[in-house]
Amino acid sequence: MPRRTSGRRVISCLLKSAIKISNLTPISRASFALSLPNSARVMGDRVMEKRLQEAQLYKEKGNQRYREGKYRDAVSRYHRALLQLRGLDPSLPSPIPNLGPQGPALTPEQENTLHTIQTDCYNNLAACLLQMEPVNYERVKEYSQKVLERQPDNAKALYRAGVAFFHLQDYDQARHYLVAAVSRQPKGERGGLKW
């Protein structure tokens, strides 16, 4: 039977070997980082673009399931979209800083696409959860607030946050969000909150 080696031990051995090979001094060891050749960066760009496209497709499939009234399936699709985006958002800290490259930099257009998909998915997740029994108002509140971090004037997220706070019996916050939702409602839709 082959001897099992833990992943941590293998990585440790590989790093020690790399340090020996590159003749790093003790001072430079602290800042040791792997660098990718140019071809690997191009590959990283392609992977990133593919993940953005897959996230968009999952979001669209979630929207279709929502329209069909298949809320659990829609929730699953929105979560899959968010998983595709995990690790791409430059505004979030890296789980392991200074170990290897930080990933390809996003263009402003890609960053906008990423944030739009994230925001739409969180908003749509809140909408789905309000349709499912039993309603998880704590999660509705959490998702709505994630939307409001990026889009503070999003009337639907304000409304959903207000509904969640109401059912969580935080009436002051509920009033705050619901008044804000009504004031930001598009003209011509006042009085008909169909969110």
N, C-alpha and C. Protein backbone atom coordinates (compact mmCIF):
# COMPACT_ATOMS: atom_id res chain seq x y z
N MET A 1 0.85 -1.18 0.00
CA MET A 1 0.00 0.00 0.00
C MET A 1 0.89 1.24 0.00
N PRO A 2 0.67 2.20 -0.94
CA PRO A 2 1.51 3.39 -0.99
C PRO A 2 1.31 4.26 0.24
N ARG A 3 2.40 4.89 0.63
CA ARG A 3 2.37 5.75 1.81
C ARG A 3 1.66 7.05 1.47
N ARG A 4 0.74 7.49 2.34
CA ARG A 4 0.00 8.73 2.12
C ARG A 4 0.79 9.89 2.70
N THR A 5 0.84 10.96 1.96
CA THR A 5 1.51 12.17 2.42
C THR A 5 0.48 13.27 2.46
N SER A 6 0.47 14.00 3.56
CA SER A 6 -0.52 15.08 3.67
C SER A 6 -0.21 16.18 2.67
N GLY A 7 -1.25 16.86 2.22
CA GLY A 7 -1.08 17.96 1.26
C GLY A 7 -0.22 19.06 1.82
N ARG A 8 -0.36 19.34 3.11
CA ARG A 8 0.42 20.39 3.75
C ARG A 8 1.91 20.07 3.69
N ARG A 9 2.26 18.80 3.94
CA ARG A 9 3.65 18.38 3.93
C ARG A 9 4.23 18.50 2.53
N VAL A 10 3.46 18.12 1.53
CA VAL A 10 3.92 18.20 0.14
C VAL A 10 4.19 19.66 -0.24
N ILE A 11 3.26 20.55 0.10
CA ILE A 11 3.44 21.97 -0.22
C ILE A 11 4.66 22.52 0.51
N SER A 12 4.83 22.13 1.77
CA SER A 12 5.97 22.59 2.55
C SER A 12 7.27 22.15 1.89
N CYS A 13 7.34 20.89 1.47
CA CYS A 13 8.54 20.38 0.80
C CYS A 13 8.80 21.12 -0.51
N LEU A 14 7.74 21.36 -1.28
CA LEU A 14 7.90 22.07 -2.54
C LEU A 14 8.42 23.49 -2.32
N LEU A 15 7.88 24.18 -1.32
CA LEU A 15 8.34 25.54 -1.03
C LEU A 15 9.79 25.54 -0.58
N LYS A 16 10.17 24.58 0.28
CA LYS A 16 11.56 24.50 0.73
C LYS A 16 12.49 24.25 -0.45
N SER A 17 12.08 23.37 -1.35
CA SER A 17 12.90 23.10 -2.53
C SER A 17 13.02 24.34 -3.41
N ALA A 18 11.93 25.05 -3.59
CA ALA A 18 11.97 26.26 -4.41
C ALA A 18 12.88 27.31 -3.79
N ILE A 19 12.84 27.42 -2.46
CA ILE A 19 13.70 28.39 -1.77
C ILE A 19 15.16 28.01 -1.94
N LYS A 20 15.49 26.71 -1.81
CA LYS A 20 16.88 26.27 -1.97
C LYS A 20 17.36 26.52 -3.39
N ILE A 21 16.52 26.16 -4.35
CA ILE A 21 16.91 26.32 -5.76
C ILE A 21 17.16 27.77 -6.11
N SER A 22 16.34 28.67 -5.59
CA SER A 22 16.46 30.08 -5.96
C SER A 22 17.44 30.85 -5.08
N ASN A 23 18.10 30.16 -4.12
CA ASN A 23 19.10 30.78 -3.25
C ASN A 23 18.55 32.01 -2.53
N LEU A 24 17.37 31.91 -1.98
CA LEU A 24 16.78 33.03 -1.25
C LEU A 24 17.43 33.16 0.12
N THR A 25 17.66 34.37 0.53
CA THR A 25 18.18 34.63 1.88
C THR A 25 17.03 34.60 2.86
N PRO A 26 17.30 34.49 4.17
CA PRO A 26 16.20 34.49 5.15
C PRO A 26 15.32 35.73 5.05
N ILE A 27 15.88 36.88 4.72
CA ILE A 27 15.09 38.11 4.62
C ILE A 27 14.14 38.02 3.43
N SER A 28 14.64 37.53 2.30
CA SER A 28 13.80 37.48 1.11
C SER A 28 12.78 36.35 1.16
N ARG A 29 12.97 35.39 2.05
CA ARG A 29 12.00 34.29 2.16
C ARG A 29 10.63 34.79 2.57
N ALA A 30 10.59 35.81 3.39
CA ALA A 30 9.31 36.32 3.87
C ALA A 30 8.45 36.87 2.75
N SER A 31 9.08 37.35 1.70
CA SER A 31 8.31 37.93 0.61
C SER A 31 8.31 37.03 -0.62
N PHE A 32 8.65 35.77 -0.46
CA PHE A 32 8.68 34.83 -1.57
C PHE A 32 7.28 34.67 -2.15
N ALA A 33 7.17 34.84 -3.45
CA ALA A 33 5.89 34.66 -4.12
C ALA A 33 6.13 34.01 -5.47
N LEU A 34 5.20 33.22 -5.89
CA LEU A 34 5.29 32.58 -7.20
C LEU A 34 4.85 33.57 -8.26
N SER A 35 5.45 33.50 -9.42
CA SER A 35 4.99 34.37 -10.50
C SER A 35 4.66 33.50 -11.71
N LEU A 36 3.64 33.91 -12.40
CA LEU A 36 3.20 33.16 -13.57
C LEU A 36 3.87 33.69 -14.82
N PRO A 37 4.25 32.81 -15.73
CA PRO A 37 4.72 33.31 -17.01
C PRO A 37 3.58 33.98 -17.76
N ASN A 38 3.91 34.75 -18.76
CA ASN A 38 2.91 35.51 -19.50
C ASN A 38 1.80 34.62 -20.06
N SER A 39 2.15 33.44 -20.57
CA SER A 39 1.13 32.55 -21.14
C SER A 39 0.14 32.10 -20.07
N ALA A 40 0.60 31.93 -18.83
CA ALA A 40 -0.31 31.54 -17.75
C ALA A 40 -1.26 32.67 -17.41
N ARG A 41 -0.78 33.92 -17.49
CA ARG A 41 -1.66 35.06 -17.22
C ARG A 41 -2.76 35.14 -18.27
N VAL A 42 -2.40 34.90 -19.53
CA VAL A 42 -3.39 34.91 -20.60
C VAL A 42 -4.43 33.82 -20.33
N MET A 43 -3.95 32.65 -19.90
CA MET A 43 -4.87 31.56 -19.57
C MET A 43 -5.78 31.99 -18.42
N GLY A 44 -5.22 32.70 -17.43
CA GLY A 44 -6.01 33.19 -16.31
C GLY A 44 -7.08 34.15 -16.77
N ASP A 45 -6.75 35.01 -17.74
CA ASP A 45 -7.73 35.95 -18.29
C ASP A 45 -8.87 35.19 -18.96
N ARG A 46 -8.54 34.14 -19.69
CA ARG A 46 -9.57 33.34 -20.36
C ARG A 46 -10.48 32.65 -19.34
N VAL A 47 -9.86 32.10 -18.31
CA VAL A 47 -10.64 31.43 -17.27
C VAL A 47 -11.57 32.42 -16.60
N MET A 48 -11.05 33.62 -16.31
CA MET A 48 -11.86 34.64 -15.66
C MET A 48 -13.05 35.03 -16.54
N GLU A 49 -12.79 35.25 -17.81
CA GLU A 49 -13.86 35.62 -18.74
C GLU A 49 -14.91 34.50 -18.84
N LYS A 50 -14.44 33.26 -18.86
CA LYS A 50 -15.36 32.12 -18.92
C LYS A 50 -16.22 32.06 -17.66
N ARG A 51 -15.62 32.31 -16.50
CA ARG A 51 -16.39 32.29 -15.26
C ARG A 51 -17.44 33.39 -15.23
N LEU A 52 -17.11 34.56 -15.75
CA LEU A 52 -18.10 35.65 -15.83
C LEU A 52 -19.27 35.24 -16.73
N GLN A 53 -18.95 34.61 -17.87
CA GLN A 53 -20.00 34.18 -18.80
C GLN A 53 -20.87 33.09 -18.17
N GLU A 54 -20.23 32.13 -17.48
CA GLU A 54 -21.01 31.06 -16.85
C GLU A 54 -21.90 31.62 -15.74
N ALA A 55 -21.39 32.59 -15.00
CA ALA A 55 -22.20 33.21 -13.95
C ALA A 55 -23.42 33.89 -14.55
N GLN A 56 -23.22 34.57 -15.67
CA GLN A 56 -24.34 35.24 -16.35
C GLN A 56 -25.38 34.21 -16.82
N LEU A 57 -24.91 33.08 -17.34
CA LEU A 57 -25.84 32.03 -17.79
C LEU A 57 -26.63 31.44 -16.62
N TYR A 58 -25.95 31.18 -15.51
CA TYR A 58 -26.66 30.66 -14.33
C TYR A 58 -27.70 31.66 -13.84
N LYS A 59 -27.34 32.95 -13.86
CA LYS A 59 -28.29 33.98 -13.42
C LYS A 59 -29.52 33.97 -14.33
N GLU A 60 -29.30 33.89 -15.64
CA GLU A 60 -30.41 33.88 -16.59
C GLU A 60 -31.29 32.64 -16.40
N LYS A 61 -30.65 31.48 -16.14
CA LYS A 61 -31.43 30.26 -15.87
C LYS A 61 -32.23 30.42 -14.58
N GLY A 62 -31.65 31.07 -13.59
CA GLY A 62 -32.37 31.35 -12.35
C GLY A 62 -33.57 32.23 -12.60
N ASN A 63 -33.40 33.25 -13.45
CA ASN A 63 -34.52 34.14 -13.79
C ASN A 63 -35.65 33.36 -14.45
N GLN A 64 -35.29 32.44 -15.33
CA GLN A 64 -36.30 31.62 -16.02
C GLN A 64 -37.05 30.74 -15.01
N ARG A 65 -36.30 30.11 -14.11
CA ARG A 65 -36.93 29.25 -13.09
C ARG A 65 -37.85 30.09 -12.18
N TYR A 66 -37.44 31.31 -11.88
CA TYR A 66 -38.28 32.19 -11.04
C TYR A 66 -39.60 32.48 -11.75
N ARG A 67 -39.52 32.82 -13.06
CA ARG A 67 -40.74 33.10 -13.83
C ARG A 67 -41.66 31.88 -13.88
N GLU A 68 -41.06 30.67 -13.85
CA GLU A 68 -41.84 29.43 -13.88
C GLU A 68 -42.39 29.06 -12.49
N GLY A 69 -42.02 29.83 -11.47
CA GLY A 69 -42.46 29.53 -10.11
C GLY A 69 -41.65 28.44 -9.43
N LYS A 70 -40.51 28.08 -10.00
CA LYS A 70 -39.63 27.05 -9.43
C LYS A 70 -38.56 27.74 -8.59
N TYR A 71 -38.97 28.19 -7.41
CA TYR A 71 -38.12 29.07 -6.60
C TYR A 71 -36.89 28.36 -6.04
N ARG A 72 -37.03 27.11 -5.61
CA ARG A 72 -35.86 26.39 -5.08
C ARG A 72 -34.81 26.20 -6.17
N ASP A 73 -35.24 25.86 -7.36
CA ASP A 73 -34.31 25.70 -8.47
C ASP A 73 -33.67 27.04 -8.83
N ALA A 74 -34.45 28.10 -8.77
CA ALA A 74 -33.92 29.44 -9.05
C ALA A 74 -32.85 29.80 -8.02
N VAL A 75 -33.12 29.51 -6.75
CA VAL A 75 -32.13 29.79 -5.70
C VAL A 75 -30.83 29.05 -5.99
N SER A 76 -30.95 27.79 -6.40
CA SER A 76 -29.77 26.99 -6.73
C SER A 76 -28.97 27.63 -7.86
N ARG A 77 -29.65 28.12 -8.89
CA ARG A 77 -28.96 28.74 -10.03
C ARG A 77 -28.26 30.04 -9.61
N TYR A 78 -28.92 30.84 -8.79
CA TYR A 78 -28.29 32.09 -8.33
C TYR A 78 -27.07 31.80 -7.47
N HIS A 79 -27.15 30.77 -6.64
CA HIS A 79 -25.99 30.40 -5.83
C HIS A 79 -24.84 29.92 -6.72
N ARG A 80 -25.16 29.17 -7.75
CA ARG A 80 -24.11 28.70 -8.68
C ARG A 80 -23.46 29.88 -9.39
N ALA A 81 -24.26 30.86 -9.75
CA ALA A 81 -23.70 32.06 -10.39
C ALA A 81 -22.72 32.75 -9.44
N LEU A 82 -23.12 32.89 -8.18
CA LEU A 82 -22.24 33.54 -7.20
C LEU A 82 -20.97 32.72 -6.96
N LEU A 83 -21.08 31.40 -7.00
CA LEU A 83 -19.89 30.56 -6.84
C LEU A 83 -18.91 30.76 -8.00
N GLN A 84 -19.43 30.97 -9.20
CA GLN A 84 -18.55 31.22 -10.34
C GLN A 84 -17.75 32.51 -10.15
N LEU A 85 -18.32 33.45 -9.42
CA LEU A 85 -17.68 34.76 -9.23
C LEU A 85 -16.74 34.79 -8.03
N ARG A 86 -16.82 33.77 -7.19
CA ARG A 86 -15.99 33.74 -5.98
C ARG A 86 -14.51 33.82 -6.36
N GLY A 87 -13.80 34.70 -5.73
CA GLY A 87 -12.37 34.87 -5.98
C GLY A 87 -12.04 35.86 -7.07
N LEU A 88 -13.03 36.31 -7.83
CA LEU A 88 -12.77 37.28 -8.89
C LEU A 88 -12.90 38.72 -8.42
N ASP A 89 -13.64 38.95 -7.35
CA ASP A 89 -13.94 40.31 -6.90
C ASP A 89 -12.71 40.94 -6.25
N PRO A 90 -12.14 41.98 -6.88
CA PRO A 90 -10.93 42.60 -6.34
C PRO A 90 -11.19 43.38 -5.05
N SER A 91 -12.44 43.68 -4.74
CA SER A 91 -12.73 44.43 -3.52
C SER A 91 -12.74 43.54 -2.28
N LEU A 92 -12.70 42.22 -2.48
CA LEU A 92 -12.66 41.29 -1.35
C LEU A 92 -11.22 40.86 -1.10
N PRO A 93 -10.83 40.69 0.17
CA PRO A 93 -9.46 40.28 0.47
C PRO A 93 -9.20 38.85 0.03
N SER A 94 -7.95 38.59 -0.33
CA SER A 94 -7.54 37.25 -0.71
C SER A 94 -7.48 36.37 0.53
N PRO A 95 -7.93 35.10 0.44
CA PRO A 95 -7.89 34.23 1.62
C PRO A 95 -6.46 33.92 2.06
N ILE A 96 -5.51 33.92 1.14
CA ILE A 96 -4.11 33.66 1.47
C ILE A 96 -3.27 34.76 0.84
N PRO A 97 -3.08 35.89 1.53
CA PRO A 97 -2.32 36.98 0.96
C PRO A 97 -0.85 36.62 0.77
N ASN A 98 -0.24 37.21 -0.24
CA ASN A 98 1.19 37.06 -0.55
C ASN A 98 1.61 35.65 -0.94
N LEU A 99 0.69 34.78 -1.28
CA LEU A 99 1.06 33.46 -1.75
C LEU A 99 0.63 33.36 -3.20
N GLY A 100 1.56 33.53 -4.07
CA GLY A 100 1.26 33.46 -5.49
C GLY A 100 0.64 34.74 -6.00
N PRO A 101 0.33 34.76 -7.28
CA PRO A 101 -0.23 35.96 -7.89
C PRO A 101 -1.64 36.20 -7.39
N GLN A 102 -2.06 37.44 -7.44
CA GLN A 102 -3.39 37.81 -6.97
C GLN A 102 -4.46 37.60 -8.03
N GLY A 103 -4.12 36.97 -9.10
CA GLY A 103 -5.10 36.73 -10.14
C GLY A 103 -5.09 37.87 -11.15
N PRO A 104 -5.66 37.62 -12.30
CA PRO A 104 -5.65 38.65 -13.33
C PRO A 104 -6.48 39.85 -12.91
N ALA A 105 -6.00 41.02 -13.26
CA ALA A 105 -6.74 42.24 -12.95
C ALA A 105 -7.96 42.33 -13.86
N LEU A 106 -9.05 42.77 -13.30
CA LEU A 106 -10.27 42.94 -14.08
C LEU A 106 -10.24 44.28 -14.78
N THR A 107 -10.75 44.30 -15.99
CA THR A 107 -10.94 45.58 -16.67
C THR A 107 -12.13 46.26 -16.00
N PRO A 108 -12.27 47.57 -16.16
CA PRO A 108 -13.44 48.24 -15.57
C PRO A 108 -14.76 47.62 -16.05
N GLU A 109 -14.81 47.23 -17.31
CA GLU A 109 -16.03 46.61 -17.85
C GLU A 109 -16.30 45.26 -17.17
N GLN A 110 -15.25 44.44 -16.99
CA GLN A 110 -15.42 43.15 -16.33
C GLN A 110 -15.83 43.32 -14.87
N GLU A 111 -15.22 44.31 -14.20
CA GLU A 111 -15.57 44.56 -12.81
C GLU A 111 -17.03 45.00 -12.69
N ASN A 112 -17.48 45.83 -13.63
CA ASN A 112 -18.88 46.26 -13.65
C ASN A 112 -19.80 45.06 -13.88
N THR A 113 -19.43 44.18 -14.81
CA THR A 113 -20.22 42.97 -15.08
C THR A 113 -20.29 42.10 -13.84
N LEU A 114 -19.16 41.90 -13.18
CA LEU A 114 -19.11 41.09 -11.98
C LEU A 114 -20.04 41.64 -10.90
N HIS A 115 -19.94 42.95 -10.64
CA HIS A 115 -20.77 43.56 -9.60
C HIS A 115 -22.25 43.55 -9.97
N THR A 116 -22.55 43.72 -11.24
CA THR A 116 -23.95 43.67 -11.69
C THR A 116 -24.54 42.28 -11.47
N ILE A 117 -23.80 41.25 -11.85
CA ILE A 117 -24.29 39.88 -11.67
C ILE A 117 -24.46 39.58 -10.18
N GLN A 118 -23.47 39.96 -9.37
CA GLN A 118 -23.58 39.72 -7.92
C GLN A 118 -24.82 40.40 -7.35
N THR A 119 -24.98 41.67 -7.67
CA THR A 119 -26.10 42.45 -7.14
C THR A 119 -27.44 41.86 -7.60
N ASP A 120 -27.54 41.53 -8.88
CA ASP A 120 -28.78 40.94 -9.39
C ASP A 120 -29.08 39.61 -8.70
N CYS A 121 -28.06 38.78 -8.52
CA CYS A 121 -28.28 37.48 -7.88
C CYS A 121 -28.75 37.64 -6.44
N TYR A 122 -28.12 38.53 -5.69
CA TYR A 122 -28.56 38.74 -4.30
C TYR A 122 -29.98 39.30 -4.25
N ASN A 123 -30.30 40.21 -5.14
CA ASN A 123 -31.65 40.77 -5.18
C ASN A 123 -32.67 39.68 -5.54
N ASN A 124 -32.32 38.86 -6.51
CA ASN A 124 -33.22 37.78 -6.94
C ASN A 124 -33.34 36.69 -5.88
N LEU A 125 -32.25 36.42 -5.15
CA LEU A 125 -32.32 35.45 -4.05
C LEU A 125 -33.31 35.92 -2.99
N ALA A 126 -33.26 37.21 -2.66
CA ALA A 126 -34.20 37.75 -1.68
C ALA A 126 -35.64 37.59 -2.18
N ALA A 127 -35.86 37.85 -3.47
CA ALA A 127 -37.21 37.71 -4.04
C ALA A 127 -37.68 36.26 -3.96
N CYS A 128 -36.79 35.32 -4.28
CA CYS A 128 -37.16 33.89 -4.20
C CYS A 128 -37.50 33.49 -2.78
N LEU A 129 -36.67 33.90 -1.84
CA LEU A 129 -36.89 33.50 -0.45
C LEU A 129 -38.21 34.02 0.09
N LEU A 130 -38.65 35.18 -0.38
CA LEU A 130 -39.94 35.71 0.05
C LEU A 130 -41.10 34.88 -0.49
N GLN A 131 -40.86 34.10 -1.55
CA GLN A 131 -41.90 33.26 -2.15
C GLN A 131 -41.95 31.85 -1.57
N MET A 132 -40.90 31.47 -0.83
CA MET A 132 -40.79 30.10 -0.33
C MET A 132 -41.26 30.01 1.12
N GLU A 133 -41.89 28.90 1.45
CA GLU A 133 -42.34 28.65 2.83
C GLU A 133 -41.42 27.64 3.49
N PRO A 134 -41.02 27.82 4.71
CA PRO A 134 -41.17 29.03 5.51
C PRO A 134 -40.17 30.07 5.04
N VAL A 135 -40.54 31.33 5.14
CA VAL A 135 -39.68 32.43 4.68
C VAL A 135 -38.55 32.63 5.69
N ASN A 136 -37.33 32.68 5.18
CA ASN A 136 -36.16 32.95 6.01
C ASN A 136 -35.88 34.45 5.95
N TYR A 137 -36.54 35.21 6.84
CA TYR A 137 -36.45 36.67 6.80
C TYR A 137 -35.04 37.17 7.14
N GLU A 138 -34.33 36.44 7.94
CA GLU A 138 -32.95 36.82 8.27
C GLU A 138 -32.09 36.82 7.00
N ARG A 139 -32.28 35.80 6.18
CA ARG A 139 -31.52 35.69 4.93
C ARG A 139 -31.98 36.74 3.92
N VAL A 140 -33.29 37.01 3.87
CA VAL A 140 -33.82 38.06 2.98
C VAL A 140 -33.18 39.39 3.35
N LYS A 141 -33.10 39.67 4.64
CA LYS A 141 -32.48 40.91 5.12
C LYS A 141 -31.01 40.97 4.68
N GLU A 142 -30.29 39.86 4.89
CA GLU A 142 -28.86 39.80 4.54
C GLU A 142 -28.65 40.06 3.05
N TYR A 143 -29.40 39.37 2.20
CA TYR A 143 -29.23 39.53 0.75
C TYR A 143 -29.61 40.95 0.31
N SER A 144 -30.69 41.48 0.86
CA SER A 144 -31.12 42.83 0.49
C SER A 144 -30.07 43.86 0.88
N GLN A 145 -29.47 43.68 2.03
CA GLN A 145 -28.44 44.63 2.46
C GLN A 145 -27.18 44.53 1.61
N LYS A 146 -26.87 43.34 1.09
CA LYS A 146 -25.74 43.21 0.16
C LYS A 146 -26.01 44.01 -1.11
N VAL A 147 -27.24 43.98 -1.58
CA VAL A 147 -27.60 44.77 -2.76
C VAL A 147 -27.46 46.25 -2.45
N LEU A 148 -27.94 46.65 -1.28
CA LEU A 148 -27.94 48.08 -0.91
C LEU A 148 -26.53 48.62 -0.66
N GLU A 149 -25.57 47.74 -0.37
CA GLU A 149 -24.18 48.19 -0.24
C GLU A 149 -23.67 48.78 -1.56
N ARG A 150 -24.08 48.17 -2.67
CA ARG A 150 -23.63 48.64 -3.99
C ARG A 150 -24.64 49.58 -4.65
N GLN A 151 -25.91 49.38 -4.35
CA GLN A 151 -26.96 50.20 -4.96
C GLN A 151 -27.91 50.70 -3.87
N PRO A 152 -27.52 51.76 -3.15
CA PRO A 152 -28.33 52.22 -2.02
C PRO A 152 -29.72 52.70 -2.39
N ASP A 153 -29.97 53.01 -3.65
CA ASP A 153 -31.29 53.49 -4.07
C ASP A 153 -32.13 52.42 -4.75
N ASN A 154 -31.74 51.16 -4.66
CA ASN A 154 -32.47 50.08 -5.31
C ASN A 154 -33.81 49.88 -4.58
N ALA A 155 -34.89 50.30 -5.23
CA ALA A 155 -36.21 50.29 -4.59
C ALA A 155 -36.65 48.88 -4.21
N LYS A 156 -36.37 47.90 -5.05
CA LYS A 156 -36.78 46.53 -4.73
C LYS A 156 -36.05 46.00 -3.50
N ALA A 157 -34.75 46.25 -3.43
CA ALA A 157 -33.97 45.79 -2.27
C ALA A 157 -34.42 46.52 -1.00
N LEU A 158 -34.72 47.81 -1.12
CA LEU A 158 -35.22 48.57 0.03
C LEU A 158 -36.54 47.97 0.52
N TYR A 159 -37.43 47.67 -0.41
CA TYR A 159 -38.73 47.09 -0.06
C TYR A 159 -38.55 45.72 0.62
N ARG A 160 -37.71 44.87 0.02
CA ARG A 160 -37.51 43.53 0.58
C ARG A 160 -36.85 43.60 1.96
N ALA A 161 -35.90 44.51 2.13
CA ALA A 161 -35.29 44.70 3.45
C ALA A 161 -36.34 45.15 4.45
N GLY A 162 -37.21 46.07 4.03
CA GLY A 162 -38.28 46.54 4.91
C GLY A 162 -39.22 45.42 5.33
N VAL A 163 -39.60 44.58 4.39
CA VAL A 163 -40.47 43.43 4.70
C VAL A 163 -39.76 42.50 5.69
N ALA A 164 -38.48 42.23 5.44
CA ALA A 164 -37.73 41.34 6.33
C ALA A 164 -37.65 41.92 7.74
N PHE A 165 -37.30 43.21 7.85
CA PHE A 165 -37.21 43.83 9.18
C PHE A 165 -38.57 43.82 9.88
N PHE A 166 -39.64 44.02 9.12
CA PHE A 166 -40.98 43.99 9.71
C PHE A 166 -41.25 42.63 10.35
N HIS A 167 -40.98 41.57 9.61
CA HIS A 167 -41.25 40.22 10.12
C HIS A 167 -40.27 39.81 11.22
N LEU A 168 -39.12 40.47 11.26
CA LEU A 168 -38.16 40.23 12.35
C LEU A 168 -38.46 41.14 13.55
N GLN A 169 -39.55 41.89 13.45
CA GLN A 169 -40.08 42.76 14.51
C GLN A 169 -39.14 43.92 14.85
N ASP A 170 -38.39 44.37 13.86
CA ASP A 170 -37.60 45.60 14.02
C ASP A 170 -38.35 46.67 13.23
N TYR A 171 -39.37 47.23 13.85
CA TYR A 171 -40.32 48.10 13.15
C TYR A 171 -39.72 49.44 12.74
N ASP A 172 -38.78 49.96 13.51
CA ASP A 172 -38.14 51.23 13.13
C ASP A 172 -37.35 51.06 11.83
N GLN A 173 -36.58 49.98 11.75
CA GLN A 173 -35.82 49.72 10.52
C GLN A 173 -36.77 49.41 9.36
N ALA A 174 -37.82 48.67 9.64
CA ALA A 174 -38.80 48.34 8.60
C ALA A 174 -39.39 49.62 8.02
N ARG A 175 -39.78 50.53 8.89
CA ARG A 175 -40.35 51.81 8.43
C ARG A 175 -39.33 52.58 7.60
N HIS A 176 -38.09 52.64 8.09
CA HIS A 176 -37.02 53.35 7.37
C HIS A 176 -36.89 52.82 5.93
N TYR A 177 -36.78 51.50 5.79
CA TYR A 177 -36.58 50.90 4.47
C TYR A 177 -37.82 51.03 3.59
N LEU A 178 -38.99 50.85 4.15
CA LEU A 178 -40.22 50.93 3.35
C LEU A 178 -40.50 52.35 2.88
N VAL A 179 -40.27 53.35 3.73
CA VAL A 179 -40.43 54.75 3.31
C VAL A 179 -39.42 55.07 2.20
N ALA A 180 -38.19 54.60 2.36
CA ALA A 180 -37.17 54.82 1.34
C ALA A 180 -37.55 54.13 0.03
N ALA A 181 -38.13 52.94 0.11
CA ALA A 181 -38.54 52.21 -1.10
C ALA A 181 -39.62 52.97 -1.85
N VAL A 182 -40.62 53.47 -1.13
CA VAL A 182 -41.71 54.21 -1.77
C VAL A 182 -41.18 55.48 -2.41
N SER A 183 -40.27 56.17 -1.74
CA SER A 183 -39.75 57.43 -2.29
C SER A 183 -38.87 57.21 -3.52
N ARG A 184 -38.34 56.01 -3.69
CA ARG A 184 -37.46 55.73 -4.84
C ARG A 184 -38.15 54.93 -5.93
N GLN A 185 -39.42 54.65 -5.72
CA GLN A 185 -40.18 53.91 -6.70
C GLN A 185 -40.27 54.72 -8.00
N PRO A 186 -40.12 54.07 -9.15
CA PRO A 186 -40.25 54.80 -10.41
C PRO A 186 -41.61 55.48 -10.52
N LYS A 187 -41.61 56.66 -11.13
CA LYS A 187 -42.87 57.42 -11.28
C LYS A 187 -43.86 56.58 -12.07
N GLY A 188 -45.11 56.68 -11.69
CA GLY A 188 -46.15 55.92 -12.36
C GLY A 188 -46.42 54.58 -11.70
N GLU A 189 -45.52 54.12 -10.83
CA GLU A 189 -45.72 52.85 -10.14
C GLU A 189 -46.13 53.06 -8.69
N ARG A 190 -46.27 54.29 -8.25
CA ARG A 190 -46.61 54.56 -6.84
C ARG A 190 -47.95 53.93 -6.51
N GLY A 191 -48.01 53.34 -5.34
CA GLY A 191 -49.24 52.73 -4.87
C GLY A 191 -49.37 51.27 -5.26
N GLY A 192 -48.57 50.79 -6.17
CA GLY A 192 -48.66 49.40 -6.60
C GLY A 192 -47.36 48.66 -6.37
N LEU A 193 -47.06 48.35 -5.13
CA LEU A 193 -45.83 47.64 -4.81
C LEU A 193 -45.96 46.18 -5.21
N LYS A 194 -45.52 45.84 -6.40
CA LYS A 194 -45.57 44.46 -6.89
C LYS A 194 -44.15 43.94 -7.03
N TRP A 195 -43.46 43.80 -5.89
CA TRP A 195 -42.07 43.36 -5.94
C TRP A 195 -41.93 42.02 -5.30
